[in-house]
Amino acid sequence: MTASGRQILLGAMGEDEFSRHVKKWADRAGWCGRHVRYSQGVVEGVHTRRLHGHSDATGALDWEFKHREPGHALIIAELKTVHGTLTPEQLTEIPRLNGCTCVEAYEWRPAMEAEIKRIFAEH
């Protein structure tokens, strides 16, 4: 199978250029999205390598997309170039996310302790 000119161009893209294209495609299809550069901040997990042998703080995927209209799935995606590879943590994270059947979002404040505990216990 011969690659088209478009496929060749897409294959030569760096991650920043690829991200610009993905943002454009998402916007045209009615999606909003967010990218957090984890490498530039502190990410904390419930489990740590020192105490549990693995860390929940690693393996987060690049992008989160929500449609402008209700009723659509939350899309979480890792962008990689042609030669990019997933980390071992990302290889674990993708099936875990795909195993989720529902997404719920909350605003939590300290005074909501009982509600927070109830949500964790019931879900």
PDB file of N, CA and C in Angstrom:
ATOM      1  N   MET A   1       0.844  -1.174   0.000  1.00  0.00           N
ATOM      2  CA  MET A   1       0.000   0.000   0.000  1.00  0.00           C
ATOM      3  C   MET A   1       0.893   1.241   0.000  1.00  0.00           C
ATOM      4  N   THR A   2       0.655   2.131  -0.913  1.00  0.00           N
ATOM      5  CA  THR A   2       1.448   3.344  -1.047  1.00  0.00           C
ATOM      6  C   THR A   2       0.830   4.452  -0.208  1.00  0.00           C
ATOM      7  N   ALA A   3       1.660   5.164   0.530  1.00  0.00           N
ATOM      8  CA  ALA A   3       1.173   6.269   1.359  1.00  0.00           C
ATOM      9  C   ALA A   3       0.838   7.466   0.479  1.00  0.00           C
ATOM     10  N   SER A   4      -0.249   8.142   0.823  1.00  0.00           N
ATOM     11  CA  SER A   4      -0.608   9.361   0.099  1.00  0.00           C
ATOM     12  C   SER A   4       0.289  10.502   0.564  1.00  0.00           C
ATOM     13  N   GLY A   5       0.296  11.593  -0.199  1.00  0.00           N
ATOM     14  CA  GLY A   5       1.066  12.771   0.193  1.00  0.00           C
ATOM     15  C   GLY A   5       0.659  13.264   1.568  1.00  0.00           C
ATOM     16  N   ARG A   6      -0.645  13.232   1.849  1.00  0.00           N
ATOM     17  CA  ARG A   6      -1.156  13.675   3.155  1.00  0.00           C
ATOM     18  C   ARG A   6      -0.609  12.783   4.264  1.00  0.00           C
ATOM     19  N   GLN A   7      -0.604  11.464   4.047  1.00  0.00           N
ATOM     20  CA  GLN A   7      -0.097  10.533   5.049  1.00  0.00           C
ATOM     21  C   GLN A   7       1.386  10.769   5.307  1.00  0.00           C
ATOM     22  N   ILE A   8       2.127  11.067   4.265  1.00  0.00           N
ATOM     23  CA  ILE A   8       3.559  11.351   4.415  1.00  0.00           C
ATOM     24  C   ILE A   8       3.764  12.612   5.246  1.00  0.00           C
ATOM     25  N   LEU A   9       2.970  13.655   4.957  1.00  0.00           N
ATOM     26  CA  LEU A   9       3.070  14.907   5.732  1.00  0.00           C
ATOM     27  C   LEU A   9       2.708  14.680   7.190  1.00  0.00           C
ATOM     28  N   LEU A  10       1.619  13.951   7.435  1.00  0.00           N
ATOM     29  CA  LEU A  10       1.205  13.684   8.815  1.00  0.00           C
ATOM     30  C   LEU A  10       2.269  12.874   9.553  1.00  0.00           C
ATOM     31  N   GLY A  11       2.903  11.945   8.857  1.00  0.00           N
ATOM     32  CA  GLY A  11       3.938  11.125   9.472  1.00  0.00           C
ATOM     33  C   GLY A  11       5.186  11.907   9.834  1.00  0.00           C
ATOM     34  N   ALA A  12       5.415  13.032   9.165  1.00  0.00           N
ATOM     35  CA  ALA A  12       6.606  13.845   9.424  1.00  0.00           C
ATOM     36  C   ALA A  12       6.386  14.890  10.511  1.00  0.00           C
ATOM     37  N   MET A  13       5.171  15.005  11.027  1.00  0.00           N
ATOM     38  CA  MET A  13       4.857  16.035  12.023  1.00  0.00           C
ATOM     39  C   MET A  13       5.512  15.757  13.354  1.00  0.00           C
ATOM     40  N   GLY A  14       5.925  16.836  14.016  1.00  0.00           N
ATOM     41  CA  GLY A  14       6.347  16.757  15.403  1.00  0.00           C
ATOM     42  C   GLY A  14       5.117  16.822  16.293  1.00  0.00           C
ATOM     43  N   GLU A  15       5.308  16.599  17.573  1.00  0.00           N
ATOM     44  CA  GLU A  15       4.167  16.553  18.485  1.00  0.00           C
ATOM     45  C   GLU A  15       3.450  17.897  18.608  1.00  0.00           C
ATOM     46  N   ASP A  16       4.180  19.006  18.629  1.00  0.00           N
ATOM     47  CA  ASP A  16       3.531  20.318  18.738  1.00  0.00           C
ATOM     48  C   ASP A  16       2.649  20.599  17.529  1.00  0.00           C
ATOM     49  N   GLU A  17       3.158  20.304  16.349  1.00  0.00           N
ATOM     50  CA  GLU A  17       2.359  20.520  15.134  1.00  0.00           C
ATOM     51  C   GLU A  17       1.160  19.583  15.120  1.00  0.00           C
ATOM     52  N   PHE A  18       1.365  18.341  15.520  1.00  0.00           N
ATOM     53  CA  PHE A  18       0.269  17.384  15.595  1.00  0.00           C
ATOM     54  C   PHE A  18      -0.798  17.894  16.557  1.00  0.00           C
ATOM     55  N   SER A  19      -0.382  18.418  17.700  1.00  0.00           N
ATOM     56  CA  SER A  19      -1.334  18.975  18.678  1.00  0.00           C
ATOM     57  C   SER A  19      -2.146  20.113  18.069  1.00  0.00           C
ATOM     58  N   ARG A  20      -1.495  20.975  17.308  1.00  0.00           N
ATOM     59  CA  ARG A  20      -2.232  22.074  16.664  1.00  0.00           C
ATOM     60  C   ARG A  20      -3.308  21.536  15.726  1.00  0.00           C
ATOM     61  N   HIS A  21      -2.985  20.507  14.982  1.00  0.00           N
ATOM     62  CA  HIS A  21      -3.963  19.906  14.080  1.00  0.00           C
ATOM     63  C   HIS A  21      -5.111  19.261  14.852  1.00  0.00           C
ATOM     64  N   VAL A  22      -4.787  18.509  15.894  1.00  0.00           N
ATOM     65  CA  VAL A  22      -5.822  17.851  16.693  1.00  0.00           C
ATOM     66  C   VAL A  22      -6.765  18.891  17.291  1.00  0.00           C
ATOM     67  N   LYS A  23      -6.224  19.994  17.786  1.00  0.00           N
ATOM     68  CA  LYS A  23      -7.067  21.068  18.343  1.00  0.00           C
ATOM     69  C   LYS A  23      -8.000  21.626  17.277  1.00  0.00           C
ATOM     70  N   LYS A  24      -7.482  21.827  16.087  1.00  0.00           N
ATOM     71  CA  LYS A  24      -8.299  22.347  14.986  1.00  0.00           C
ATOM     72  C   LYS A  24      -9.417  21.356  14.637  1.00  0.00           C
ATOM     73  N   TRP A  25      -9.064  20.074  14.531  1.00  0.00           N
ATOM     74  CA  TRP A  25     -10.056  19.052  14.197  1.00  0.00           C
ATOM     75  C   TRP A  25     -11.124  18.958  15.274  1.00  0.00           C
ATOM     76  N   ALA A  26     -10.709  19.015  16.546  1.00  0.00           N
ATOM     77  CA  ALA A  26     -11.658  18.946  17.657  1.00  0.00           C
ATOM     78  C   ALA A  26     -12.625  20.124  17.611  1.00  0.00           C
ATOM     79  N   ASP A  27     -12.090  21.321  17.422  1.00  0.00           N
ATOM     80  CA  ASP A  27     -12.922  22.523  17.383  1.00  0.00           C
ATOM     81  C   ASP A  27     -13.948  22.440  16.256  1.00  0.00           C
ATOM     82  N   ARG A  28     -13.524  22.025  15.097  1.00  0.00           N
ATOM     83  CA  ARG A  28     -14.439  21.918  13.953  1.00  0.00           C
ATOM     84  C   ARG A  28     -15.570  20.929  14.201  1.00  0.00           C
ATOM     85  N   ALA A  29     -15.309  19.912  15.027  1.00  0.00           N
ATOM     86  CA  ALA A  29     -16.319  18.891  15.304  1.00  0.00           C
ATOM     87  C   ALA A  29     -17.136  19.189  16.563  1.00  0.00           C
ATOM     88  N   GLY A  30     -16.923  20.374  17.182  1.00  0.00           N
ATOM     89  CA  GLY A  30     -17.725  20.758  18.338  1.00  0.00           C
ATOM     90  C   GLY A  30     -17.173  20.368  19.689  1.00  0.00           C
ATOM     91  N   TRP A  31     -15.890  20.067  19.753  1.00  0.00           N
ATOM     92  CA  TRP A  31     -15.284  19.642  21.014  1.00  0.00           C
ATOM     93  C   TRP A  31     -14.449  20.750  21.639  1.00  0.00           C
ATOM     94  N   CYS A  32     -14.394  20.727  22.962  1.00  0.00           N
ATOM     95  CA  CYS A  32     -13.503  21.579  23.751  1.00  0.00           C
ATOM     96  C   CYS A  32     -12.460  20.649  24.358  1.00  0.00           C
ATOM     97  N   GLY A  33     -11.286  21.166  24.679  1.00  0.00           N
ATOM     98  CA  GLY A  33     -10.278  20.275  25.223  1.00  0.00           C
ATOM     99  C   GLY A  33      -9.282  20.980  26.111  1.00  0.00           C
ATOM    100  N   ARG A  34      -8.514  20.140  26.824  1.00  0.00           N
ATOM    101  CA  ARG A  34      -7.514  20.667  27.755  1.00  0.00           C
ATOM    102  C   ARG A  34      -6.287  19.769  27.711  1.00  0.00           C
ATOM    103  N   HIS A  35      -5.136  20.406  27.753  1.00  0.00           N
ATOM    104  CA  HIS A  35      -3.849  19.698  27.800  1.00  0.00           C
ATOM    105  C   HIS A  35      -3.074  20.232  28.989  1.00  0.00           C
ATOM    106  N   VAL A  36      -2.623  19.350  29.833  1.00  0.00           N
ATOM    107  CA  VAL A  36      -1.807  19.743  30.983  1.00  0.00           C
ATOM    108  C   VAL A  36      -0.409  19.197  30.756  1.00  0.00           C
ATOM    109  N   ARG A  37       0.560  20.076  30.858  1.00  0.00           N
ATOM    110  CA  ARG A  37       1.955  19.655  30.702  1.00  0.00           C
ATOM    111  C   ARG A  37       2.466  19.180  32.059  1.00  0.00           C
ATOM    112  N   TYR A  38       2.294  17.899  32.296  1.00  0.00           N
ATOM    113  CA  TYR A  38       2.650  17.323  33.590  1.00  0.00           C
ATOM    114  C   TYR A  38       4.127  17.489  33.908  1.00  0.00           C
ATOM    115  N   SER A  39       4.950  17.541  32.883  1.00  0.00           N
ATOM    116  CA  SER A  39       6.386  17.656  33.126  1.00  0.00           C
ATOM    117  C   SER A  39       6.759  19.006  33.729  1.00  0.00           C
ATOM    118  N   GLN A  40       5.844  19.962  33.714  1.00  0.00           N
ATOM    119  CA  GLN A  40       6.145  21.296  34.222  1.00  0.00           C
ATOM    120  C   GLN A  40       5.518  21.560  35.586  1.00  0.00           C
ATOM    121  N   GLY A  41       5.015  20.543  36.235  1.00  0.00           N
ATOM    122  CA  GLY A  41       4.377  20.747  37.525  1.00  0.00           C
ATOM    123  C   GLY A  41       4.536  19.519  38.402  1.00  0.00           C
ATOM    124  N   VAL A  42       3.840  19.506  39.487  1.00  0.00           N
ATOM    125  CA  VAL A  42       3.873  18.395  40.412  1.00  0.00           C
ATOM    126  C   VAL A  42       2.570  17.615  40.262  1.00  0.00           C
ATOM    127  N   VAL A  43       2.686  16.320  40.074  1.00  0.00           N
ATOM    128  CA  VAL A  43       1.522  15.456  39.958  1.00  0.00           C
ATOM    129  C   VAL A  43       1.593  14.457  41.096  1.00  0.00           C
ATOM    130  N   GLU A  44       0.498  14.315  41.826  1.00  0.00           N
ATOM    131  CA  GLU A  44       0.457  13.441  42.988  1.00  0.00           C
ATOM    132  C   GLU A  44      -0.560  12.332  42.746  1.00  0.00           C
ATOM    133  N   GLY A  45      -0.261  11.129  43.198  1.00  0.00           N
ATOM    134  CA  GLY A  45      -1.185  10.009  43.070  1.00  0.00           C
ATOM    135  C   GLY A  45      -1.550   9.439  44.423  1.00  0.00           C
ATOM    136  N   VAL A  46      -2.588   8.606  44.446  1.00  0.00           N
ATOM    137  CA  VAL A  46      -2.974   7.904  45.674  1.00  0.00           C
ATOM    138  C   VAL A  46      -1.870   6.925  46.064  1.00  0.00           C
ATOM    139  N   HIS A  47      -1.314   6.234  45.060  1.00  0.00           N
ATOM    140  CA  HIS A  47      -0.251   5.264  45.307  1.00  0.00           C
ATOM    141  C   HIS A  47       1.095   5.843  44.895  1.00  0.00           C
ATOM    142  N   THR A  48       2.127   5.504  45.653  1.00  0.00           N
ATOM    143  CA  THR A  48       3.475   5.982  45.342  1.00  0.00           C
ATOM    144  C   THR A  48       4.407   4.787  45.141  1.00  0.00           C
ATOM    145  N   ARG A  49       5.443   4.997  44.344  1.00  0.00           N
ATOM    146  CA  ARG A  49       6.409   3.918  44.092  1.00  0.00           C
ATOM    147  C   ARG A  49       7.049   3.433  45.399  1.00  0.00           C
ATOM    148  N   ARG A  50       7.377   4.375  46.268  1.00  0.00           N
ATOM    149  CA  ARG A  50       8.081   4.021  47.501  1.00  0.00           C
ATOM    150  C   ARG A  50       7.230   3.120  48.395  1.00  0.00           C
ATOM    151  N   LEU A  51       5.945   3.433  48.542  1.00  0.00           N
ATOM    152  CA  LEU A  51       5.094   2.662  49.463  1.00  0.00           C
ATOM    153  C   LEU A  51       4.362   1.508  48.793  1.00  0.00           C
ATOM    154  N   HIS A  52       3.990   1.659  47.513  1.00  0.00           N
ATOM    155  CA  HIS A  52       3.120   0.673  46.872  1.00  0.00           C
ATOM    156  C   HIS A  52       3.757  -0.050  45.683  1.00  0.00           C
ATOM    157  N   GLY A  53       4.941   0.399  45.260  1.00  0.00           N
ATOM    158  CA  GLY A  53       5.598  -0.236  44.136  1.00  0.00           C
ATOM    159  C   GLY A  53       5.184   0.293  42.773  1.00  0.00           C
ATOM    160  N   HIS A  54       4.205   1.163  42.763  1.00  0.00           N
ATOM    161  CA  HIS A  54       3.772   1.822  41.521  1.00  0.00           C
ATOM    162  C   HIS A  54       3.222   3.192  41.877  1.00  0.00           C
ATOM    163  N   SER A  55       3.128   4.053  40.872  1.00  0.00           N
ATOM    164  CA  SER A  55       2.648   5.412  41.107  1.00  0.00           C
ATOM    165  C   SER A  55       1.473   5.724  40.195  1.00  0.00           C
ATOM    166  N   ASP A  56       0.402   6.235  40.784  1.00  0.00           N
ATOM    167  CA  ASP A  56      -0.752   6.695  40.009  1.00  0.00           C
ATOM    168  C   ASP A  56      -0.471   8.034  39.340  1.00  0.00           C
ATOM    169  N   ALA A  57       0.587   8.706  39.756  1.00  0.00           N
ATOM    170  CA  ALA A  57       0.870  10.044  39.250  1.00  0.00           C
ATOM    171  C   ALA A  57       1.496  10.009  37.862  1.00  0.00           C
ATOM    172  N   THR A  58       1.974   8.864  37.433  1.00  0.00           N
ATOM    173  CA  THR A  58       2.581   8.767  36.114  1.00  0.00           C
ATOM    174  C   THR A  58       1.622   8.072  35.165  1.00  0.00           C
ATOM    175  N   GLY A  59       1.780   8.320  33.888  1.00  0.00           N
ATOM    176  CA  GLY A  59       0.947   7.665  32.888  1.00  0.00           C
ATOM    177  C   GLY A  59      -0.236   8.477  32.418  1.00  0.00           C
ATOM    178  N   ALA A  60      -0.413   9.674  32.962  1.00  0.00           N
ATOM    179  CA  ALA A  60      -1.543  10.506  32.528  1.00  0.00           C
ATOM    180  C   ALA A  60      -1.426  10.793  31.042  1.00  0.00           C
ATOM    181  N   LEU A  61      -2.545  10.801  30.359  1.00  0.00           N
ATOM    182  CA  LEU A  61      -2.563  11.046  28.923  1.00  0.00           C
ATOM    183  C   LEU A  61      -2.626  12.541  28.639  1.00  0.00           C
ATOM    184  N   ASP A  62      -2.234  12.929  27.428  1.00  0.00           N
ATOM    185  CA  ASP A  62      -2.056  14.334  27.044  1.00  0.00           C
ATOM    186  C   ASP A  62      -3.311  15.204  27.086  1.00  0.00           C
ATOM    187  N   TRP A  63      -4.376  14.713  26.501  1.00  0.00           N
ATOM    188  CA  TRP A  63      -5.531  15.576  26.211  1.00  0.00           C
ATOM    189  C   TRP A  63      -6.822  15.013  26.766  1.00  0.00           C
ATOM    190  N   GLU A  64      -7.708  15.935  27.154  1.00  0.00           N
ATOM    191  CA  GLU A  64      -9.056  15.619  27.601  1.00  0.00           C
ATOM    192  C   GLU A  64     -10.003  16.455  26.746  1.00  0.00           C
ATOM    193  N   PHE A  65     -10.953  15.780  26.102  1.00  0.00           N
ATOM    194  CA  PHE A  65     -11.901  16.482  25.233  1.00  0.00           C
ATOM    195  C   PHE A  65     -13.330  16.250  25.709  1.00  0.00           C
ATOM    196  N   LYS A  66     -14.091  17.348  25.777  1.00  0.00           N
ATOM    197  CA  LYS A  66     -15.512  17.298  26.123  1.00  0.00           C
ATOM    198  C   LYS A  66     -16.274  17.987  25.004  1.00  0.00           C
ATOM    199  N   HIS A  67     -17.379  17.378  24.582  1.00  0.00           N
ATOM    200  CA  HIS A  67     -18.174  17.989  23.524  1.00  0.00           C
ATOM    201  C   HIS A  67     -18.937  19.170  24.092  1.00  0.00           C
ATOM    202  N   ARG A  68     -19.206  20.150  23.231  1.00  0.00           N
ATOM    203  CA  ARG A  68     -19.957  21.341  23.673  1.00  0.00           C
ATOM    204  C   ARG A  68     -21.381  20.992  24.076  1.00  0.00           C
ATOM    205  N   GLU A  69     -21.925  19.931  23.509  1.00  0.00           N
ATOM    206  CA  GLU A  69     -23.299  19.507  23.805  1.00  0.00           C
ATOM    207  C   GLU A  69     -23.270  18.315  24.764  1.00  0.00           C
ATOM    208  N   PRO A  70     -24.229  18.243  25.702  1.00  0.00           N
ATOM    209  CA  PRO A  70     -24.276  17.099  26.617  1.00  0.00           C
ATOM    210  C   PRO A  70     -24.568  15.797  25.857  1.00  0.00           C
ATOM    211  N   GLY A  71     -24.251  14.689  26.485  1.00  0.00           N
ATOM    212  CA  GLY A  71     -24.586  13.392  25.928  1.00  0.00           C
ATOM    213  C   GLY A  71     -23.451  12.709  25.190  1.00  0.00           C
ATOM    214  N   HIS A  72     -22.289  13.320  25.157  1.00  0.00           N
ATOM    215  CA  HIS A  72     -21.143  12.738  24.479  1.00  0.00           C
ATOM    216  C   HIS A  72     -20.157  12.191  25.501  1.00  0.00           C
ATOM    217  N   ALA A  73     -19.358  11.247  25.069  1.00  0.00           N
ATOM    218  CA  ALA A  73     -18.336  10.667  25.941  1.00  0.00           C
ATOM    219  C   ALA A  73     -17.233  11.684  26.222  1.00  0.00           C
ATOM    220  N   LEU A  74     -16.566  11.503  27.319  1.00  0.00           N
ATOM    221  CA  LEU A  74     -15.321  12.222  27.597  1.00  0.00           C
ATOM    222  C   LEU A  74     -14.229  11.467  26.858  1.00  0.00           C
ATOM    223  N   ILE A  75     -13.450  12.162  26.055  1.00  0.00           N
ATOM    224  CA  ILE A  75     -12.365  11.536  25.305  1.00  0.00           C
ATOM    225  C   ILE A  75     -11.041  11.943  25.934  1.00  0.00           C
ATOM    226  N   ILE A  76     -10.228  10.960  26.265  1.00  0.00           N
ATOM    227  CA  ILE A  76      -8.905  11.214  26.824  1.00  0.00           C
ATOM    228  C   ILE A  76      -7.910  10.564  25.873  1.00  0.00           C
ATOM    229  N   ALA A  77      -6.967  11.347  25.371  1.00  0.00           N
ATOM    230  CA  ALA A  77      -6.075  10.847  24.332  1.00  0.00           C
ATOM    231  C   ALA A  77      -4.623  11.212  24.599  1.00  0.00           C
ATOM    232  N   GLU A  78      -3.749  10.320  24.235  1.00  0.00           N
ATOM    233  CA  GLU A  78      -2.312  10.558  24.270  1.00  0.00           C
ATOM    234  C   GLU A  78      -1.861  10.759  22.830  1.00  0.00           C
ATOM    235  N   LEU A  79      -1.211  11.859  22.534  1.00  0.00           N
ATOM    236  CA  LEU A  79      -0.720  12.128  21.185  1.00  0.00           C
ATOM    237  C   LEU A  79       0.729  11.692  21.081  1.00  0.00           C
ATOM    238  N   LYS A  80       1.016  10.917  20.075  1.00  0.00           N
ATOM    239  CA  LYS A  80       2.383  10.450  19.828  1.00  0.00           C
ATOM    240  C   LYS A  80       2.709  10.661  18.357  1.00  0.00           C
ATOM    241  N   THR A  81       3.937  10.976  18.067  1.00  0.00           N
ATOM    242  CA  THR A  81       4.391  11.059  16.681  1.00  0.00           C
ATOM    243  C   THR A  81       4.542   9.635  16.147  1.00  0.00           C
ATOM    244  N   VAL A  82       4.877   9.519  14.868  1.00  0.00           N
ATOM    245  CA  VAL A  82       5.025   8.208  14.240  1.00  0.00           C
ATOM    246  C   VAL A  82       5.980   7.313  15.016  1.00  0.00           C
ATOM    247  N   HIS A  83       7.056   7.883  15.527  1.00  0.00           N
ATOM    248  CA  HIS A  83       8.072   7.084  16.214  1.00  0.00           C
ATOM    249  C   HIS A  83       7.944   7.135  17.737  1.00  0.00           C
ATOM    250  N   GLY A  84       6.962   7.882  18.246  1.00  0.00           N
ATOM    251  CA  GLY A  84       6.776   7.965  19.695  1.00  0.00           C
ATOM    252  C   GLY A  84       6.245   6.664  20.262  1.00  0.00           C
ATOM    253  N   THR A  85       6.567   6.400  21.502  1.00  0.00           N
ATOM    254  CA  THR A  85       6.089   5.182  22.156  1.00  0.00           C
ATOM    255  C   THR A  85       5.419   5.537  23.474  1.00  0.00           C
ATOM    256  N   LEU A  86       4.441   4.743  23.845  1.00  0.00           N
ATOM    257  CA  LEU A  86       3.777   4.918  25.125  1.00  0.00           C
ATOM    258  C   LEU A  86       4.687   4.442  26.239  1.00  0.00           C
ATOM    259  N   THR A  87       4.607   5.108  27.385  1.00  0.00           N
ATOM    260  CA  THR A  87       5.337   4.639  28.561  1.00  0.00           C
ATOM    261  C   THR A  87       4.620   3.393  29.087  1.00  0.00           C
ATOM    262  N   PRO A  88       5.293   2.590  29.888  1.00  0.00           N
ATOM    263  CA  PRO A  88       4.609   1.430  30.483  1.00  0.00           C
ATOM    264  C   PRO A  88       3.358   1.847  31.271  1.00  0.00           C
ATOM    265  N   GLU A  89       3.438   2.987  31.946  1.00  0.00           N
ATOM    266  CA  GLU A  89       2.284   3.469  32.718  1.00  0.00           C
ATOM    267  C   GLU A  89       1.124   3.838  31.788  1.00  0.00           C
ATOM    268  N   GLN A  90       1.411   4.446  30.641  1.00  0.00           N
ATOM    269  CA  GLN A  90       0.359   4.794  29.686  1.00  0.00           C
ATOM    270  C   GLN A  90      -0.256   3.540  29.078  1.00  0.00           C
ATOM    271  N   LEU A  91       0.559   2.512  28.865  1.00  0.00           N
ATOM    272  CA  LEU A  91       0.026   1.246  28.355  1.00  0.00           C
ATOM    273  C   LEU A  91      -0.972   0.633  29.329  1.00  0.00           C
ATOM    274  N   THR A  92      -0.808   0.897  30.614  1.00  0.00           N
ATOM    275  CA  THR A  92      -1.752   0.441  31.635  1.00  0.00           C
ATOM    276  C   THR A  92      -2.945   1.388  31.731  1.00  0.00           C
ATOM    277  N   GLU A  93      -2.690   2.685  31.595  1.00  0.00           N
ATOM    278  CA  GLU A  93      -3.728   3.702  31.787  1.00  0.00           C
ATOM    279  C   GLU A  93      -4.838   3.615  30.728  1.00  0.00           C
ATOM    280  N   ILE A  94      -4.485   3.393  29.475  1.00  0.00           N
ATOM    281  CA  ILE A  94      -5.489   3.389  28.410  1.00  0.00           C
ATOM    282  C   ILE A  94      -6.555   2.310  28.633  1.00  0.00           C
ATOM    283  N   PRO A  95      -6.194   1.042  28.909  1.00  0.00           N
ATOM    284  CA  PRO A  95      -7.249   0.062  29.174  1.00  0.00           C
ATOM    285  C   PRO A  95      -8.067   0.384  30.430  1.00  0.00           C
ATOM    286  N   ARG A  96      -7.414   0.959  31.436  1.00  0.00           N
ATOM    287  CA  ARG A  96      -8.163   1.342  32.642  1.00  0.00           C
ATOM    288  C   ARG A  96      -9.217   2.391  32.307  1.00  0.00           C
ATOM    289  N   LEU A  97      -8.828   3.385  31.520  1.00  0.00           N
ATOM    290  CA  LEU A  97      -9.787   4.423  31.136  1.00  0.00           C
ATOM    291  C   LEU A  97     -10.890   3.856  30.266  1.00  0.00           C
ATOM    292  N   ASN A  98     -10.539   2.976  29.344  1.00  0.00           N
ATOM    293  CA  ASN A  98     -11.556   2.374  28.483  1.00  0.00           C
ATOM    294  C   ASN A  98     -12.496   1.471  29.259  1.00  0.00           C
ATOM    295  N   GLY A  99     -12.074   1.022  30.432  1.00  0.00           N
ATOM    296  CA  GLY A  99     -12.937   0.210  31.280  1.00  0.00           C
ATOM    297  C   GLY A  99     -13.936   1.022  32.086  1.00  0.00           C
ATOM    298  N   CYS A 100     -13.781   2.342  32.088  1.00  0.00           N
ATOM    299  CA  CYS A 100     -14.717   3.202  32.816  1.00  0.00           C
ATOM    300  C   CYS A 100     -16.052   3.246  32.070  1.00  0.00           C
ATOM    301  N   THR A 101     -17.130   3.165  32.810  1.00  0.00           N
ATOM    302  CA  THR A 101     -18.444   3.197  32.166  1.00  0.00           C
ATOM    303  C   THR A 101     -19.124   4.544  32.311  1.00  0.00           C
ATOM    304  N   CYS A 102     -18.564   5.407  33.119  1.00  0.00           N
ATOM    305  CA  CYS A 102     -19.225   6.678  33.376  1.00  0.00           C
ATOM    306  C   CYS A 102     -18.189   7.693  33.850  1.00  0.00           C
ATOM    307  N   VAL A 103     -18.434   8.918  33.544  1.00  0.00           N
ATOM    308  CA  VAL A 103     -17.597   9.990  34.056  1.00  0.00           C
ATOM    309  C   VAL A 103     -18.492  10.920  34.860  1.00  0.00           C
ATOM    310  N   GLU A 104     -18.058  11.277  36.023  1.00  0.00           N
ATOM    311  CA  GLU A 104     -18.775  12.229  36.855  1.00  0.00           C
ATOM    312  C   GLU A 104     -17.800  13.325  37.252  1.00  0.00           C
ATOM    313  N   ALA A 105     -18.292  14.546  37.295  1.00  0.00           N
ATOM    314  CA  ALA A 105     -17.444  15.679  37.669  1.00  0.00           C
ATOM    315  C   ALA A 105     -18.054  16.387  38.867  1.00  0.00           C
ATOM    316  N   TYR A 106     -17.211  16.831  39.753  1.00  0.00           N
ATOM    317  CA  TYR A 106     -17.671  17.459  40.992  1.00  0.00           C
ATOM    318  C   TYR A 106     -16.858  18.694  41.318  1.00  0.00           C
ATOM    319  N   GLU A 107     -17.466  19.532  42.117  1.00  0.00           N
ATOM    320  CA  GLU A 107     -16.741  20.585  42.817  1.00  0.00           C
ATOM    321  C   GLU A 107     -16.741  20.162  44.275  1.00  0.00           C
ATOM    322  N   TRP A 108     -15.593  19.952  44.832  1.00  0.00           N
ATOM    323  CA  TRP A 108     -15.484  19.501  46.209  1.00  0.00           C
ATOM    324  C   TRP A 108     -14.828  20.558  47.062  1.00  0.00           C
ATOM    325  N   ARG A 109     -15.393  20.741  48.263  1.00  0.00           N
ATOM    326  CA  ARG A 109     -14.852  21.666  49.249  1.00  0.00           C
ATOM    327  C   ARG A 109     -14.704  20.930  50.575  1.00  0.00           C
ATOM    328  N   PRO A 110     -13.868  21.426  51.475  1.00  0.00           N
ATOM    329  CA  PRO A 110     -13.616  20.706  52.727  1.00  0.00           C
ATOM    330  C   PRO A 110     -14.879  20.362  53.515  1.00  0.00           C
ATOM    331  N   ALA A 111     -15.838  21.233  53.539  1.00  0.00           N
ATOM    332  CA  ALA A 111     -17.060  20.997  54.313  1.00  0.00           C
ATOM    333  C   ALA A 111     -17.907  19.863  53.736  1.00  0.00           C
ATOM    334  N   MET A 112     -17.536  19.365  52.577  1.00  0.00           N
ATOM    335  CA  MET A 112     -18.305  18.316  51.914  1.00  0.00           C
ATOM    336  C   MET A 112     -17.757  16.919  52.221  1.00  0.00           C
ATOM    337  N   GLU A 113     -17.015  16.794  53.307  1.00  0.00           N
ATOM    338  CA  GLU A 113     -16.359  15.538  53.640  1.00  0.00           C
ATOM    339  C   GLU A 113     -17.307  14.342  53.565  1.00  0.00           C
ATOM    340  N   ALA A 114     -18.463  14.448  54.173  1.00  0.00           N
ATOM    341  CA  ALA A 114     -19.405  13.320  54.197  1.00  0.00           C
ATOM    342  C   ALA A 114     -19.859  12.955  52.783  1.00  0.00           C
ATOM    343  N   GLU A 115     -20.143  13.959  51.978  1.00  0.00           N
ATOM    344  CA  GLU A 115     -20.576  13.700  50.608  1.00  0.00           C
ATOM    345  C   GLU A 115     -19.459  13.061  49.782  1.00  0.00           C
ATOM    346  N   ILE A 116     -18.253  13.534  49.972  1.00  0.00           N
ATOM    347  CA  ILE A 116     -17.112  12.969  49.252  1.00  0.00           C
ATOM    348  C   ILE A 116     -16.938  11.494  49.617  1.00  0.00           C
ATOM    349  N   LYS A 117     -17.000  11.193  50.901  1.00  0.00           N
ATOM    350  CA  LYS A 117     -16.871   9.801  51.348  1.00  0.00           C
ATOM    351  C   LYS A 117     -18.016   8.948  50.797  1.00  0.00           C
ATOM    352  N   ARG A 118     -19.237   9.507  50.767  1.00  0.00           N
ATOM    353  CA  ARG A 118     -20.394   8.788  50.233  1.00  0.00           C
ATOM    354  C   ARG A 118     -20.191   8.479  48.759  1.00  0.00           C
ATOM    355  N   ILE A 119     -19.712   9.478  48.005  1.00  0.00           N
ATOM    356  CA  ILE A 119     -19.477   9.269  46.562  1.00  0.00           C
ATOM    357  C   ILE A 119     -18.452   8.166  46.345  1.00  0.00           C
ATOM    358  N   PHE A 120     -17.357   8.180  47.096  1.00  0.00           N
ATOM    359  CA  PHE A 120     -16.353   7.131  46.942  1.00  0.00           C
ATOM    360  C   PHE A 120     -16.923   5.769  47.323  1.00  0.00           C
ATOM    361  N   ALA A 121     -17.741   5.713  48.379  1.00  0.00           N
ATOM    362  CA  ALA A 121     -18.298   4.440  48.834  1.00  0.00           C
ATOM    363  C   ALA A 121     -19.342   3.885  47.870  1.00  0.00           C
ATOM    364  N   GLU A 122     -20.089   4.745  47.202  1.00  0.00           N
ATOM    365  CA  GLU A 122     -21.203   4.282  46.370  1.00  0.00           C
ATOM    366  C   GLU A 122     -20.836   4.041  44.915  1.00  0.00           C
ATOM    367  N   HIS A 123     -19.645   4.438  44.512  1.00  0.00           N
ATOM    368  CA  HIS A 123     -19.299   4.291  43.083  1.00  0.00           C
ATOM    369  C   HIS A 123     -18.251   3.244  42.855  1.00  0.00           C
TER     370      HIS A 123
END
